[in-house]
Amino acid sequence: MANFGFESTTDDVLAGQDLSGKTAVVTGGASGVGWETARALAVAGAHVVTTARNATKWAANAPELDGKGGLYIQDCGIAPPSTPEVTGAKPYALDPAAAARLWEISERMVGETFALS
C-alpha cells in the first residue's frame, strides 16, 4: 500500500484506479478540495455527482471536466431550521452533540482522527 502525505495530490491517490461504473457524490464541488476531488474522480472514470451552493461558480469551472466522466450539478442552498410553516433543517441536524457523535463514528470507521480547524 502506498504511503500518502501532505504533498500527495488527488492524482497520486487515484493513480492506476479505474472507477468506471462507480458513482461518486462530492459535496462542495464548486471550488477548492471538493472541486479537485470531483475532477480527479471524473478523470479516473467515475460518474460524479456534485453539490454546490453556488451553481454559477460551479458552471464556470465545469468545462474543465468535459469528456472526463459523468457530471451532474445540484444547486444547494442552506436550509433554514424547520418550523411548523417551513420544512427545513431538522433539529437533529443542527445539534452540535449529534454532529460530534457523527464525527466520532466517521473517525472510528476509517481508523483515523481528523483535526478540526
N, C-alpha and C. Protein backbone atom coordinates (compact mmCIF):
# COMPACT_ATOMS: atom_id res chain seq x y z
N MET A 1 0.85 -1.18 0.00
CA MET A 1 0.00 0.00 0.00
C MET A 1 0.89 1.24 0.00
N ALA A 2 0.55 2.20 -0.82
CA ALA A 2 1.33 3.43 -0.92
C ALA A 2 1.12 4.28 0.32
N ASN A 3 2.15 5.03 0.64
CA ASN A 3 2.04 5.99 1.74
C ASN A 3 1.76 7.36 1.16
N PHE A 4 0.72 7.98 1.63
CA PHE A 4 0.36 9.31 1.16
C PHE A 4 0.56 10.29 2.30
N GLY A 5 0.87 11.53 1.93
CA GLY A 5 1.10 12.55 2.95
C GLY A 5 0.59 13.90 2.49
N PHE A 6 1.07 14.93 3.15
CA PHE A 6 0.62 16.29 2.87
C PHE A 6 0.91 16.73 1.45
N GLU A 7 1.93 16.18 0.83
CA GLU A 7 2.30 16.58 -0.52
C GLU A 7 1.57 15.76 -1.59
N SER A 8 0.84 14.73 -1.18
CA SER A 8 0.13 13.87 -2.14
C SER A 8 -0.99 14.65 -2.82
N THR A 9 -1.18 14.39 -4.10
CA THR A 9 -2.27 15.02 -4.84
C THR A 9 -3.38 14.00 -5.04
N THR A 10 -4.53 14.47 -5.48
CA THR A 10 -5.63 13.56 -5.78
C THR A 10 -5.22 12.61 -6.90
N ASP A 11 -4.44 13.10 -7.85
CA ASP A 11 -3.97 12.24 -8.93
C ASP A 11 -3.04 11.15 -8.41
N ASP A 12 -2.20 11.48 -7.41
CA ASP A 12 -1.34 10.47 -6.79
C ASP A 12 -2.17 9.37 -6.14
N VAL A 13 -3.18 9.77 -5.40
CA VAL A 13 -4.01 8.82 -4.66
C VAL A 13 -4.79 7.90 -5.60
N LEU A 14 -5.24 8.45 -6.72
CA LEU A 14 -6.07 7.67 -7.64
C LEU A 14 -5.29 7.04 -8.79
N ALA A 15 -3.98 7.19 -8.81
CA ALA A 15 -3.16 6.64 -9.90
C ALA A 15 -3.42 5.14 -10.06
N GLY A 16 -3.73 4.74 -11.29
CA GLY A 16 -3.95 3.34 -11.59
C GLY A 16 -5.33 2.81 -11.23
N GLN A 17 -6.19 3.66 -10.68
CA GLN A 17 -7.54 3.23 -10.30
C GLN A 17 -8.50 3.44 -11.47
N ASP A 18 -9.29 2.43 -11.76
CA ASP A 18 -10.33 2.55 -12.78
C ASP A 18 -11.67 2.59 -12.06
N LEU A 19 -12.28 3.75 -12.04
CA LEU A 19 -13.55 3.93 -11.34
C LEU A 19 -14.75 3.86 -12.29
N SER A 20 -14.54 3.34 -13.48
CA SER A 20 -15.64 3.17 -14.43
C SER A 20 -16.74 2.35 -13.78
N GLY A 21 -17.98 2.78 -13.98
CA GLY A 21 -19.11 2.07 -13.41
C GLY A 21 -19.41 2.44 -11.97
N LYS A 22 -18.59 3.30 -11.37
CA LYS A 22 -18.80 3.75 -10.00
C LYS A 22 -19.40 5.15 -10.02
N THR A 23 -20.18 5.47 -9.02
CA THR A 23 -20.74 6.81 -8.86
C THR A 23 -20.19 7.41 -7.59
N ALA A 24 -19.70 8.63 -7.68
CA ALA A 24 -19.17 9.35 -6.52
C ALA A 24 -20.01 10.61 -6.29
N VAL A 25 -20.37 10.85 -5.05
CA VAL A 25 -21.08 12.07 -4.68
C VAL A 25 -20.10 12.95 -3.94
N VAL A 26 -19.90 14.17 -4.44
CA VAL A 26 -18.95 15.10 -3.85
C VAL A 26 -19.68 16.37 -3.46
N THR A 27 -19.62 16.71 -2.18
CA THR A 27 -20.23 17.96 -1.72
C THR A 27 -19.21 19.08 -1.87
N GLY A 28 -19.70 20.29 -2.04
CA GLY A 28 -18.80 21.43 -2.19
C GLY A 28 -18.01 21.38 -3.48
N GLY A 29 -18.66 20.93 -4.55
CA GLY A 29 -17.95 20.72 -5.81
C GLY A 29 -17.69 21.95 -6.64
N ALA A 30 -18.00 23.14 -6.14
CA ALA A 30 -17.79 24.36 -6.93
C ALA A 30 -16.36 24.88 -6.86
N SER A 31 -15.63 24.52 -5.82
CA SER A 31 -14.28 25.05 -5.68
C SER A 31 -13.48 24.25 -4.66
N GLY A 32 -12.21 24.56 -4.56
CA GLY A 32 -11.35 24.01 -3.53
C GLY A 32 -11.21 22.50 -3.57
N VAL A 33 -11.18 21.90 -2.38
CA VAL A 33 -10.99 20.46 -2.25
C VAL A 33 -12.11 19.69 -2.93
N GLY A 34 -13.35 20.16 -2.80
CA GLY A 34 -14.47 19.48 -3.44
C GLY A 34 -14.32 19.45 -4.94
N TRP A 35 -13.95 20.58 -5.51
CA TRP A 35 -13.76 20.66 -6.96
C TRP A 35 -12.63 19.73 -7.41
N GLU A 36 -11.51 19.76 -6.73
CA GLU A 36 -10.37 18.93 -7.10
C GLU A 36 -10.72 17.44 -6.95
N THR A 37 -11.47 17.10 -5.92
CA THR A 37 -11.89 15.71 -5.73
C THR A 37 -12.80 15.27 -6.88
N ALA A 38 -13.75 16.11 -7.24
CA ALA A 38 -14.65 15.79 -8.36
C ALA A 38 -13.86 15.62 -9.65
N ARG A 39 -12.92 16.50 -9.89
CA ARG A 39 -12.10 16.42 -11.11
C ARG A 39 -11.32 15.12 -11.16
N ALA A 40 -10.66 14.77 -10.06
CA ALA A 40 -9.83 13.57 -10.04
C ALA A 40 -10.67 12.31 -10.19
N LEU A 41 -11.82 12.27 -9.54
CA LEU A 41 -12.70 11.10 -9.65
C LEU A 41 -13.22 10.95 -11.08
N ALA A 42 -13.57 12.08 -11.72
CA ALA A 42 -14.04 12.03 -13.10
C ALA A 42 -12.94 11.55 -14.04
N VAL A 43 -11.72 12.03 -13.82
CA VAL A 43 -10.59 11.60 -14.65
C VAL A 43 -10.37 10.09 -14.50
N ALA A 44 -10.61 9.56 -13.30
CA ALA A 44 -10.45 8.13 -13.06
C ALA A 44 -11.63 7.31 -13.59
N GLY A 45 -12.63 7.99 -14.19
CA GLY A 45 -13.72 7.29 -14.85
C GLY A 45 -15.03 7.24 -14.09
N ALA A 46 -15.08 7.81 -12.88
CA ALA A 46 -16.31 7.76 -12.10
C ALA A 46 -17.37 8.69 -12.67
N HIS A 47 -18.62 8.31 -12.46
CA HIS A 47 -19.75 9.21 -12.71
C HIS A 47 -19.81 10.08 -11.46
N VAL A 48 -19.63 11.39 -11.61
CA VAL A 48 -19.52 12.28 -10.47
C VAL A 48 -20.77 13.13 -10.32
N VAL A 49 -21.36 13.08 -9.12
CA VAL A 49 -22.48 13.93 -8.76
C VAL A 49 -21.94 14.95 -7.77
N THR A 50 -22.06 16.23 -8.10
CA THR A 50 -21.56 17.26 -7.19
C THR A 50 -22.71 18.11 -6.69
N THR A 51 -22.53 18.65 -5.51
CA THR A 51 -23.46 19.63 -4.97
C THR A 51 -22.67 20.90 -4.70
N ALA A 52 -23.35 22.01 -4.79
CA ALA A 52 -22.69 23.30 -4.54
C ALA A 52 -23.74 24.31 -4.16
N ARG A 53 -23.35 25.27 -3.36
CA ARG A 53 -24.28 26.34 -3.01
C ARG A 53 -24.26 27.45 -4.04
N ASN A 54 -23.31 27.40 -4.97
CA ASN A 54 -23.19 28.44 -5.97
C ASN A 54 -23.08 27.79 -7.36
N ALA A 55 -24.22 27.63 -8.02
CA ALA A 55 -24.22 26.96 -9.32
C ALA A 55 -23.48 27.77 -10.38
N THR A 56 -23.48 29.08 -10.27
CA THR A 56 -22.77 29.93 -11.24
C THR A 56 -21.28 29.67 -11.16
N LYS A 57 -20.75 29.59 -9.97
CA LYS A 57 -19.33 29.32 -9.77
C LYS A 57 -18.99 27.91 -10.29
N TRP A 58 -19.87 26.96 -9.99
CA TRP A 58 -19.65 25.60 -10.46
C TRP A 58 -19.64 25.56 -11.99
N ALA A 59 -20.61 26.22 -12.61
CA ALA A 59 -20.72 26.21 -14.07
C ALA A 59 -19.49 26.84 -14.72
N ALA A 60 -18.88 27.81 -14.06
CA ALA A 60 -17.68 28.44 -14.62
C ALA A 60 -16.52 27.45 -14.66
N ASN A 61 -16.48 26.51 -13.74
CA ASN A 61 -15.41 25.52 -13.69
C ASN A 61 -15.74 24.25 -14.47
N ALA A 62 -17.01 23.97 -14.71
CA ALA A 62 -17.45 22.71 -15.30
C ALA A 62 -16.79 22.35 -16.63
N PRO A 63 -16.50 23.31 -17.53
CA PRO A 63 -15.89 22.91 -18.81
C PRO A 63 -14.57 22.15 -18.65
N GLU A 64 -13.88 22.34 -17.53
CA GLU A 64 -12.64 21.62 -17.29
C GLU A 64 -12.87 20.11 -17.19
N LEU A 65 -14.11 19.70 -16.91
CA LEU A 65 -14.41 18.28 -16.77
C LEU A 65 -14.99 17.65 -18.03
N ASP A 66 -15.13 18.43 -19.09
CA ASP A 66 -15.68 17.88 -20.33
C ASP A 66 -14.92 16.63 -20.76
N GLY A 67 -15.66 15.57 -21.04
CA GLY A 67 -15.05 14.34 -21.53
C GLY A 67 -14.34 13.51 -20.47
N LYS A 68 -14.47 13.87 -19.20
CA LYS A 68 -13.73 13.17 -18.15
C LYS A 68 -14.63 12.36 -17.24
N GLY A 69 -15.85 12.05 -17.65
CA GLY A 69 -16.74 11.27 -16.79
C GLY A 69 -18.11 11.91 -16.75
N GLY A 70 -19.03 11.24 -16.10
CA GLY A 70 -20.38 11.78 -15.99
C GLY A 70 -20.44 12.93 -15.01
N LEU A 71 -21.28 13.90 -15.29
CA LEU A 71 -21.39 15.08 -14.43
C LEU A 71 -22.84 15.41 -14.14
N TYR A 72 -23.08 15.89 -12.96
CA TYR A 72 -24.40 16.38 -12.57
C TYR A 72 -24.20 17.40 -11.47
N ILE A 73 -24.90 18.51 -11.54
CA ILE A 73 -24.79 19.55 -10.51
C ILE A 73 -26.16 19.80 -9.91
N GLN A 74 -26.22 19.91 -8.62
CA GLN A 74 -27.44 20.32 -7.95
C GLN A 74 -27.11 21.58 -7.17
N ASP A 75 -27.84 22.64 -7.44
CA ASP A 75 -27.64 23.91 -6.74
C ASP A 75 -28.28 23.77 -5.35
N CYS A 76 -27.47 23.76 -4.33
CA CYS A 76 -27.95 23.53 -2.97
C CYS A 76 -27.81 24.79 -2.13
N GLY A 77 -28.89 25.23 -1.58
CA GLY A 77 -28.85 26.33 -0.63
C GLY A 77 -28.74 25.78 0.78
N ILE A 78 -28.64 26.67 1.73
CA ILE A 78 -28.60 26.27 3.13
C ILE A 78 -30.02 26.37 3.65
N ALA A 79 -30.55 25.27 4.13
CA ALA A 79 -31.93 25.23 4.59
C ALA A 79 -32.08 25.98 5.91
N PRO A 80 -33.18 26.70 6.05
CA PRO A 80 -33.46 27.31 7.35
C PRO A 80 -33.93 26.22 8.31
N PRO A 81 -33.89 26.49 9.61
CA PRO A 81 -34.44 25.50 10.55
C PRO A 81 -35.92 25.24 10.26
N SER A 82 -36.36 24.02 10.50
CA SER A 82 -37.77 23.68 10.31
C SER A 82 -38.65 24.43 11.30
N THR A 83 -39.80 24.83 10.81
CA THR A 83 -40.83 25.43 11.65
C THR A 83 -42.14 24.76 11.25
N PRO A 84 -43.21 25.02 11.97
CA PRO A 84 -44.49 24.44 11.54
C PRO A 84 -44.89 24.86 10.12
N GLU A 85 -44.43 26.03 9.68
CA GLU A 85 -44.80 26.53 8.36
C GLU A 85 -43.80 26.16 7.26
N VAL A 86 -42.55 25.89 7.63
CA VAL A 86 -41.48 25.69 6.65
C VAL A 86 -40.76 24.37 6.92
N THR A 87 -40.60 23.56 5.87
CA THR A 87 -39.79 22.35 6.01
C THR A 87 -38.35 22.75 5.72
N GLY A 88 -37.50 22.53 6.68
CA GLY A 88 -36.09 22.88 6.52
C GLY A 88 -35.22 21.89 7.26
N ALA A 89 -34.11 22.38 7.80
CA ALA A 89 -33.19 21.52 8.55
C ALA A 89 -33.87 21.04 9.82
N LYS A 90 -33.78 19.76 10.05
CA LYS A 90 -34.38 19.16 11.24
C LYS A 90 -33.52 19.48 12.46
N PRO A 91 -34.13 19.53 13.64
CA PRO A 91 -33.38 19.87 14.85
C PRO A 91 -32.13 19.02 15.07
N TYR A 92 -32.21 17.71 14.77
CA TYR A 92 -31.04 16.86 14.98
C TYR A 92 -29.87 17.27 14.07
N ALA A 93 -30.16 17.85 12.91
CA ALA A 93 -29.10 18.27 12.00
C ALA A 93 -28.40 19.53 12.48
N LEU A 94 -29.03 20.24 13.40
CA LEU A 94 -28.45 21.48 13.93
C LEU A 94 -27.86 21.28 15.32
N ASP A 95 -27.89 20.06 15.83
CA ASP A 95 -27.46 19.75 17.18
C ASP A 95 -25.95 19.48 17.21
N PRO A 96 -25.16 20.33 17.88
CA PRO A 96 -23.71 20.12 17.93
C PRO A 96 -23.32 18.76 18.52
N ALA A 97 -24.08 18.28 19.50
CA ALA A 97 -23.76 16.98 20.10
C ALA A 97 -23.96 15.86 19.07
N ALA A 98 -25.01 15.95 18.26
CA ALA A 98 -25.24 14.96 17.21
C ALA A 98 -24.12 15.01 16.17
N ALA A 99 -23.68 16.22 15.83
CA ALA A 99 -22.58 16.36 14.88
C ALA A 99 -21.30 15.75 15.44
N ALA A 100 -21.04 15.95 16.73
CA ALA A 100 -19.85 15.38 17.36
C ALA A 100 -19.91 13.85 17.35
N ARG A 101 -21.09 13.29 17.59
CA ARG A 101 -21.24 11.83 17.55
C ARG A 101 -20.99 11.30 16.14
N LEU A 102 -21.52 11.97 15.14
CA LEU A 102 -21.31 11.56 13.76
C LEU A 102 -19.82 11.64 13.40
N TRP A 103 -19.15 12.69 13.83
CA TRP A 103 -17.72 12.87 13.57
C TRP A 103 -16.94 11.70 14.19
N GLU A 104 -17.28 11.37 15.43
CA GLU A 104 -16.61 10.27 16.14
C GLU A 104 -16.82 8.94 15.42
N ILE A 105 -18.03 8.68 14.98
CA ILE A 105 -18.32 7.45 14.25
C ILE A 105 -17.52 7.41 12.94
N SER A 106 -17.45 8.54 12.25
CA SER A 106 -16.70 8.60 10.99
C SER A 106 -15.23 8.29 11.22
N GLU A 107 -14.66 8.88 12.27
CA GLU A 107 -13.25 8.62 12.57
C GLU A 107 -13.02 7.14 12.91
N ARG A 108 -13.92 6.58 13.68
CA ARG A 108 -13.80 5.16 14.07
C ARG A 108 -13.89 4.27 12.82
N MET A 109 -14.79 4.61 11.90
CA MET A 109 -14.97 3.78 10.70
C MET A 109 -13.75 3.78 9.80
N VAL A 110 -13.06 4.91 9.70
CA VAL A 110 -11.89 4.97 8.81
C VAL A 110 -10.58 4.75 9.56
N GLY A 111 -10.66 4.66 10.90
CA GLY A 111 -9.45 4.39 11.68
C GLY A 111 -8.49 5.55 11.77
N GLU A 112 -9.00 6.76 11.64
CA GLU A 112 -8.16 7.96 11.71
C GLU A 112 -8.84 9.02 12.55
N THR A 113 -8.04 9.94 13.06
CA THR A 113 -8.57 11.10 13.78
C THR A 113 -8.35 12.32 12.91
N PHE A 114 -9.40 13.09 12.70
CA PHE A 114 -9.32 14.27 11.85
C PHE A 114 -9.28 15.52 12.71
N ALA A 115 -8.32 16.36 12.46
CA ALA A 115 -8.21 17.61 13.21
C ALA A 115 -9.22 18.61 12.69
N LEU A 116 -9.89 19.28 13.58
CA LEU A 116 -10.82 20.35 13.21
C LEU A 116 -10.10 21.67 13.33
N SER A 117 -10.32 22.53 12.34
CA SER A 117 -9.67 23.85 12.42
C SER A 117 -10.71 24.93 12.50
